[in-house]
C-alpha atoms as a PDB file:
ATOM      1  CA  MET A   1      92.701  61.520 188.691  1.00  0.00           C
ATOM      2  CA  ARG A   2      91.130  62.513 192.054  1.00  0.00           C
ATOM      3  CA  ILE A   3      92.632  64.443 195.025  1.00  0.00           C
ATOM      4  CA  TYR A   4      91.291  63.652 198.304  1.00  0.00           C
ATOM      5  CA  PHE A   5      91.553  67.021 200.305  1.00  0.00           C
ATOM      6  CA  ALA A   6      91.627  65.926 204.001  1.00  0.00           C
ATOM      7  CA  ARG A   7      91.911  68.061 207.122  1.00  0.00           C
ATOM      8  CA  HIS A   8      94.081  67.270 210.013  1.00  0.00           C
ATOM      9  CA  GLY A   9      92.329  65.617 213.323  1.00  0.00           C
ATOM     10  CA  GLU A  10      91.550  67.561 216.468  1.00  0.00           C
ATOM     11  CA  SER A  11      94.850  68.985 217.995  1.00  0.00           C
ATOM     12  CA  GLN A  12      96.035  70.395 221.453  1.00  0.00           C
ATOM     13  CA  ALA A  13      96.123  73.698 219.875  1.00  0.00           C
ATOM     14  CA  ASN A  14      92.495  73.513 218.955  1.00  0.00           C
ATOM     15  CA  LEU A  15      91.879  72.293 222.393  1.00  0.00           C
ATOM     16  CA  LEU A  16      93.704  75.393 223.679  1.00  0.00           C
ATOM     17  CA  HIS A  17      92.136  77.696 220.975  1.00  0.00           C
ATOM     18  CA  GLU A  18      95.929  78.595 220.322  1.00  0.00           C
ATOM     19  CA  ILE A  19      96.750  80.141 216.878  1.00  0.00           C
ATOM     20  CA  SER A  20      99.667  77.779 216.013  1.00  0.00           C
ATOM     21  CA  ASN A  21     100.493  77.247 212.530  1.00  0.00           C
ATOM     22  CA  ARG A  22     104.025  76.749 212.562  1.00  0.00           C
ATOM     23  CA  GLY A  23     106.235  73.323 213.132  1.00  0.00           C
ATOM     24  CA  LEU A  24     105.965  70.705 215.735  1.00  0.00           C
ATOM     25  CA  ARG A  25     104.528  72.155 218.653  1.00  0.00           C
ATOM     26  CA  TYR A  26     100.966  70.419 219.184  1.00  0.00           C
ATOM     27  CA  GLY A  27     100.225  67.205 217.901  1.00  0.00           C
ATOM     28  CA  LEU A  28      96.988  65.446 218.052  1.00  0.00           C
ATOM     29  CA  THR A  29      94.905  64.785 220.887  1.00  0.00           C
ATOM     30  CA  ARG A  30      93.364  61.132 221.331  1.00  0.00           C
ATOM     31  CA  ARG A  31      90.292  61.959 220.043  1.00  0.00           C
ATOM     32  CA  GLY A  32      92.076  63.544 216.781  1.00  0.00           C
ATOM     33  CA  ARG A  33      94.016  60.086 216.533  1.00  0.00           C
ATOM     34  CA  GLU A  34      90.673  58.332 216.471  1.00  0.00           C
ATOM     35  CA  GLN A  35      89.542  60.460 213.813  1.00  0.00           C
ATOM     36  CA  ALA A  36      92.541  59.761 211.809  1.00  0.00           C
ATOM     37  CA  VAL A  37      91.982  56.280 212.244  1.00  0.00           C
ATOM     38  CA  ALA A  38      88.252  56.698 210.957  1.00  0.00           C
ATOM     39  CA  LEU A  39      89.411  58.607 207.979  1.00  0.00           C
ATOM     40  CA  ALA A  40      92.032  55.813 206.984  1.00  0.00           C
ATOM     41  CA  TYR A  41      88.968  53.131 207.226  1.00  0.00           C
ATOM     42  CA  ARG A  42      86.757  55.384 205.035  1.00  0.00           C
ATOM     43  CA  LEU A  43      89.978  55.450 202.482  1.00  0.00           C
ATOM     44  CA  GLN A  44      90.823  51.803 202.695  1.00  0.00           C
ATOM     45  CA  ASN A  45      89.335  50.407 199.748  1.00  0.00           C
ATOM     46  CA  LEU A  46      90.472  53.079 197.493  1.00  0.00           C
ATOM     47  CA  PRO A  47      93.222  52.963 194.943  1.00  0.00           C
ATOM     48  CA  ILE A  48      95.377  55.661 196.693  1.00  0.00           C
ATOM     49  CA  MET A  49      98.736  55.713 195.558  1.00  0.00           C
ATOM     50  CA  CYS A  50     100.143  58.564 197.863  1.00  0.00           C
ATOM     51  CA  ILE A  51      99.746  60.893 200.690  1.00  0.00           C
ATOM     52  CA  TYR A  52     100.953  64.469 200.858  1.00  0.00           C
ATOM     53  CA  SER A  53     101.020  66.631 204.324  1.00  0.00           C
ATOM     54  CA  SER A  54     101.642  69.887 205.521  1.00  0.00           C
ATOM     55  CA  PRO A  55     104.627  69.915 207.573  1.00  0.00           C
ATOM     56  CA  VAL A  56     102.708  71.123 210.571  1.00  0.00           C
ATOM     57  CA  LEU A  57     102.836  68.629 213.318  1.00  0.00           C
ATOM     58  CA  ARG A  58      98.751  67.835 213.509  1.00  0.00           C
ATOM     59  CA  ALA A  59      99.031  67.092 210.034  1.00  0.00           C
ATOM     60  CA  ILE A  60     101.965  64.853 209.734  1.00  0.00           C
ATOM     61  CA  GLU A  61     100.414  62.981 212.580  1.00  0.00           C
ATOM     62  CA  THR A  62      97.256  62.396 210.820  1.00  0.00           C
ATOM     63  CA  SER A  63      99.423  61.596 207.631  1.00  0.00           C
ATOM     64  CA  VAL A  64     101.474  58.987 209.484  1.00  0.00           C
ATOM     65  CA  ILE A  65      98.203  57.218 211.043  1.00  0.00           C
ATOM     66  CA  LEU A  66      96.991  57.140 207.395  1.00  0.00           C
ATOM     67  CA  ALA A  67     100.037  56.042 205.928  1.00  0.00           C
ATOM     68  CA  ASN A  68     100.270  53.197 208.260  1.00  0.00           C
ATOM     69  CA  ARG A  69      96.951  51.899 207.840  1.00  0.00           C
ATOM     70  CA  LEU A  70      96.978  51.860 204.330  1.00  0.00           C
ATOM     71  CA  ASP A  71     100.317  50.942 203.940  1.00  0.00           C
ATOM     72  CA  LEU A  72     101.454  53.953 201.644  1.00  0.00           C
ATOM     73  CA  ASP A  73     104.141  56.596 201.540  1.00  0.00           C
ATOM     74  CA  TYR A  74     103.637  59.996 202.722  1.00  0.00           C
ATOM     75  CA  GLU A  75     105.622  63.157 201.680  1.00  0.00           C
ATOM     76  CA  VAL A  76     105.606  66.577 203.762  1.00  0.00           C
ATOM     77  CA  VAL A  77     105.254  69.498 201.232  1.00  0.00           C
ATOM     78  CA  GLU A  78     105.551  73.297 202.256  1.00  0.00           C
ATOM     79  CA  ALA A  79     102.769  73.991 199.790  1.00  0.00           C
ATOM     80  CA  LEU A  80     100.190  72.297 202.361  1.00  0.00           C
ATOM     81  CA  ARG A  81     101.091  74.386 205.414  1.00  0.00           C
ATOM     82  CA  GLU A  82      98.298  76.470 207.361  1.00  0.00           C
ATOM     83  CA  TYR A  83      98.768  80.087 206.656  1.00  0.00           C
ATOM     84  CA  ASP A  84     101.224  81.891 208.806  1.00  0.00           C
ATOM     85  CA  CYS A  85      99.869  84.537 211.240  1.00  0.00           C
ATOM     86  CA  GLY A  86     103.223  86.578 211.889  1.00  0.00           C
ATOM     87  CA  ILE A  87     102.830  88.286 215.436  1.00  0.00           C
ATOM     88  CA  MET A  88      99.747  86.423 216.451  1.00  0.00           C
ATOM     89  CA  GLU A  89     101.354  82.724 216.467  1.00  0.00           C
ATOM     90  CA  GLY A  90     101.089  81.222 219.779  1.00  0.00           C
ATOM     91  CA  ARG A  91      98.429  83.650 220.860  1.00  0.00           C
ATOM     92  CA  SER A  92      95.064  82.733 222.232  1.00  0.00           C
ATOM     93  CA  ASP A  93      93.637  85.733 223.691  1.00  0.00           C
ATOM     94  CA  GLU A  94      90.697  87.697 222.433  1.00  0.00           C
ATOM     95  CA  GLU A  95      92.841  90.324 220.745  1.00  0.00           C
ATOM     96  CA  GLY A  96      94.812  87.743 218.836  1.00  0.00           C
ATOM     97  CA  TRP A  97      91.778  86.085 217.461  1.00  0.00           C
ATOM     98  CA  LYS A  98      90.096  89.501 216.546  1.00  0.00           C
ATOM     99  CA  MET A  99      93.112  90.051 214.593  1.00  0.00           C
ATOM    100  CA  TRP A 100      92.795  86.684 213.005  1.00  0.00           C
ATOM    101  CA  GLN A 101      89.064  87.539 212.104  1.00  0.00           C
ATOM    102  CA  THR A 102      90.166  90.754 210.658  1.00  0.00           C
ATOM    103  CA  LEU A 103      92.464  89.197 208.273  1.00  0.00           C
ATOM    104  CA  PHE A 104      89.840  86.439 207.537  1.00  0.00           C
ATOM    105  CA  ASP A 105      87.424  89.199 206.332  1.00  0.00           C
ATOM    106  CA  ALA A 106      89.836  91.285 204.827  1.00  0.00           C
ATOM    107  CA  TRP A 107      90.581  88.197 202.099  1.00  0.00           C
ATOM    108  CA  VAL A 108      87.126  86.616 202.229  1.00  0.00           C
ATOM    109  CA  VAL A 109      84.734  89.413 202.200  1.00  0.00           C
ATOM    110  CA  HIS A 110      86.619  92.462 201.170  1.00  0.00           C
ATOM    111  CA  GLN A 111      89.153  90.585 198.440  1.00  0.00           C
ATOM    112  CA  ARG A 112      92.153  92.462 200.076  1.00  0.00           C
ATOM    113  CA  TRP A 113      94.254  89.835 199.045  1.00  0.00           C
ATOM    114  CA  GLU A 114      97.648  91.988 199.859  1.00  0.00           C
ATOM    115  CA  GLN A 115      96.730  92.214 203.368  1.00  0.00           C
ATOM    116  CA  ARG A 116      98.547  90.160 206.255  1.00  0.00           C
ATOM    117  CA  ILE A 117      99.431  90.360 210.067  1.00  0.00           C
ATOM    118  CA  VAL A 118     102.654  91.462 210.703  1.00  0.00           C
ATOM    119  CA  GLY A 119     105.401  88.792 210.021  1.00  0.00           C
ATOM    120  CA  GLY A 120     102.619  86.608 208.622  1.00  0.00           C
ATOM    121  CA  GLU A 121     101.440  85.746 204.927  1.00  0.00           C
ATOM    122  CA  SER A 122      99.098  87.224 202.586  1.00  0.00           C
ATOM    123  CA  PHE A 123      96.526  85.570 200.295  1.00  0.00           C
ATOM    124  CA  TYR A 124      98.988  85.821 197.629  1.00  0.00           C
ATOM    125  CA  ASP A 125     101.758  83.963 199.528  1.00  0.00           C
ATOM    126  CA  ILE A 126      99.414  81.118 200.115  1.00  0.00           C
ATOM    127  CA  GLN A 127      98.307  80.997 196.566  1.00  0.00           C
ATOM    128  CA  ASN A 128     101.880  81.069 195.150  1.00  0.00           C
ATOM    129  CA  ARG A 129     102.640  77.738 196.976  1.00  0.00           C
ATOM    130  CA  PHE A 130      99.278  75.984 197.136  1.00  0.00           C
ATOM    131  CA  VAL A 131      98.291  76.555 193.506  1.00  0.00           C
ATOM    132  CA  PRO A 132     101.199  75.608 191.697  1.00  0.00           C
ATOM    133  CA  PHE A 133     101.680  72.314 193.790  1.00  0.00           C
ATOM    134  CA  ILE A 134      98.003  71.201 192.756  1.00  0.00           C
ATOM    135  CA  GLU A 135      98.990  72.329 189.292  1.00  0.00           C
ATOM    136  CA  GLY A 136     101.825  70.108 189.595  1.00  0.00           C
ATOM    137  CA  LEU A 137      99.567  67.031 190.496  1.00  0.00           C
ATOM    138  CA  VAL A 138      97.239  67.675 187.542  1.00  0.00           C
ATOM    139  CA  SER A 139     100.074  67.776 185.120  1.00  0.00           C
ATOM    140  CA  GLN A 140     101.495  64.713 186.665  1.00  0.00           C
ATOM    141  CA  TYR A 141      98.640  62.564 186.912  1.00  0.00           C
ATOM    142  CA  GLY A 142      95.577  64.435 185.462  1.00  0.00           C
ATOM    143  CA  ASN A 143      94.921  61.925 182.376  1.00  0.00           C
ATOM    144  CA  THR A 144      95.523  58.887 184.471  1.00  0.00           C
ATOM    145  CA  GLU A 145      93.354  56.865 187.311  1.00  0.00           C
ATOM    146  CA  ALA A 146      95.837  57.984 189.920  1.00  0.00           C
ATOM    147  CA  GLU A 147      94.257  58.951 193.333  1.00  0.00           C
ATOM    148  CA  VAL A 148      95.931  60.936 195.882  1.00  0.00           C
ATOM    149  CA  VAL A 149      95.444  62.574 199.541  1.00  0.00           C
ATOM    150  CA  CYS A 150      96.554  65.672 200.741  1.00  0.00           C
ATOM    151  CA  VAL A 151      96.430  66.252 204.600  1.00  0.00           C
ATOM    152  CA  SER A 152      96.236  70.054 205.182  1.00  0.00           C
ATOM    153  CA  HIS A 153      94.159  72.807 207.176  1.00  0.00           C
ATOM    154  CA  GLY A 154      90.754  74.416 207.493  1.00  0.00           C
ATOM    155  CA  GLY A 155      92.076  77.778 206.804  1.00  0.00           C
ATOM    156  CA  VAL A 156      94.098  76.971 203.544  1.00  0.00           C
ATOM    157  CA  TYR A 157      91.372  74.892 202.180  1.00  0.00           C
ATOM    158  CA  TRP A 158      88.873  77.746 202.633  1.00  0.00           C
ATOM    159  CA  MET A 159      91.090  80.256 200.839  1.00  0.00           C
ATOM    160  CA  MET A 160      92.372  78.062 198.204  1.00  0.00           C
ATOM    161  CA  LEU A 161      89.948  75.353 197.180  1.00  0.00           C
ATOM    162  CA  PRO A 162      88.049  78.166 195.052  1.00  0.00           C
ATOM    163  CA  LEU A 163      90.933  78.733 193.184  1.00  0.00           C
ATOM    164  CA  VAL A 164      91.391  75.204 192.082  1.00  0.00           C
ATOM    165  CA  LEU A 165      88.000  73.849 191.886  1.00  0.00           C
ATOM    166  CA  LYS A 166      85.711  74.886 189.419  1.00  0.00           C
ATOM    167  CA  ASN A 167      82.268  74.237 191.344  1.00  0.00           C
ATOM    168  CA  VAL A 168      83.543  75.654 194.790  1.00  0.00           C
ATOM    169  CA  ASP A 169      83.504  79.214 196.189  1.00  0.00           C
ATOM    170  CA  ASN A 170      83.155  80.985 199.524  1.00  0.00           C
ATOM    171  CA  GLU A 171      79.434  80.588 199.846  1.00  0.00           C
ATOM    172  CA  PHE A 172      79.586  76.798 199.157  1.00  0.00           C
ATOM    173  CA  ILE A 173      82.654  76.606 201.653  1.00  0.00           C
ATOM    174  CA  ALA A 174      80.490  78.597 204.461  1.00  0.00           C
ATOM    175  CA  GLN A 175      77.773  76.026 203.880  1.00  0.00           C
ATOM    176  CA  TYR A 176      79.477  72.673 204.202  1.00  0.00           C
ATOM    177  CA  LYS A 177      82.893  73.873 206.475  1.00  0.00           C
ATOM    178  CA  PHE A 178      85.474  71.949 207.187  1.00  0.00           C
ATOM    179  CA  ASP A 179      85.284  69.334 210.155  1.00  0.00           C
ATOM    180  CA  TYR A 180      88.256  67.386 211.586  1.00  0.00           C
ATOM    181  CA  THR A 181      89.344  64.810 209.164  1.00  0.00           C
ATOM    182  CA  CYS A 182      86.649  66.406 206.793  1.00  0.00           C
ATOM    183  CA  CYS A 183      87.717  64.956 203.006  1.00  0.00           C
ATOM    184  CA  ILE A 184      86.694  66.799 200.133  1.00  0.00           C
ATOM    185  CA  VAL A 185      86.984  64.431 196.826  1.00  0.00           C
ATOM    186  CA  ALA A 186      88.100  66.347 193.738  1.00  0.00           C
ATOM    187  CA  GLU A 187      87.896  64.613 190.310  1.00  0.00           C
ATOM    188  CA  TRP A 188      89.983  66.000 187.517  1.00  0.00           C
ATOM    189  CA  ARG A 189      87.945  66.672 183.788  1.00  0.00           C
ATOM    190  CA  PRO A 190      89.145  68.037 180.702  1.00  0.00           C
ATOM    191  CA  GLU A 191      87.809  71.462 181.907  1.00  0.00           C
ATOM    192  CA  GLY A 192      89.579  71.190 185.286  1.00  0.00           C
ATOM    193  CA  LEU A 193      89.173  70.016 188.658  1.00  0.00           C
ATOM    194  CA  TYR A 194      85.828  69.433 190.107  1.00  0.00           C
ATOM    195  CA  CYS A 195      84.291  68.781 193.535  1.00  0.00           C
ATOM    196  CA  VAL A 196      82.351  65.512 193.530  1.00  0.00           C
ATOM    197  CA  GLU A 197      81.733  64.789 197.421  1.00  0.00           C
ATOM    198  CA  TRP A 198      82.245  66.934 200.195  1.00  0.00           C
ATOM    199  CA  ASN A 199      82.558  64.486 203.580  1.00  0.00           C
ATOM    200  CA  GLY A 200      80.349  62.142 202.307  1.00  0.00           C
ATOM    201  CA  HIS A 201      77.859  64.580 200.707  1.00  0.00           C
ATOM    202  CA  VAL A 202      77.783  64.050 196.970  1.00  0.00           C
ATOM    203  CA  ILE A 203      78.005  67.189 194.992  1.00  0.00           C
ATOM    204  CA  ASN A 204      75.672  67.477 191.810  1.00  0.00           C
ATOM    205  CA  GLN A 205      76.846  70.701 190.900  1.00  0.00           C
ATOM    206  CA  CYS A 206      78.731  70.610 187.365  1.00  0.00           C
END
């Protein structure tokens, strides 16, 4: 099987530089919709069977564009939602983003997985919803030719892909990063999921 981990297109929240990881407040910009269409063209000749989407609006709108262009169904799943930033949700000020960076560093640099912003999620909370979902896909499709798309967010992917992909770590992610509609291709092998392509760059690690 193959899983295509795609990030959503540019959203209004991105332009406003607002922490907005809940619900249906901000959708895609015009540029974001164009990015989603371009992603659909990249995927159109692949034997993809379904699309799974984060419940955040920018991801849903990206998934709808993909589904319409590829003539596929999509399913909204909580597992792919961007991580909740608690009392910093809706903030766009310097203090809010400093607190966001402090949380990011606590997880990525200091491995303080229990750290959270008040009212938000810890690393463990994200892990407990994301990893079982991916394991479920592998259990269902691992030994088949199935190909599926997951539409989610840069933050979730940064934290979680090193847990589910055998040849990806934080250093690797820092090098390649997550642009809008970036698409990471993962392939199932008997020993686990491996990244084989990162937004057009073939990955030779094994």
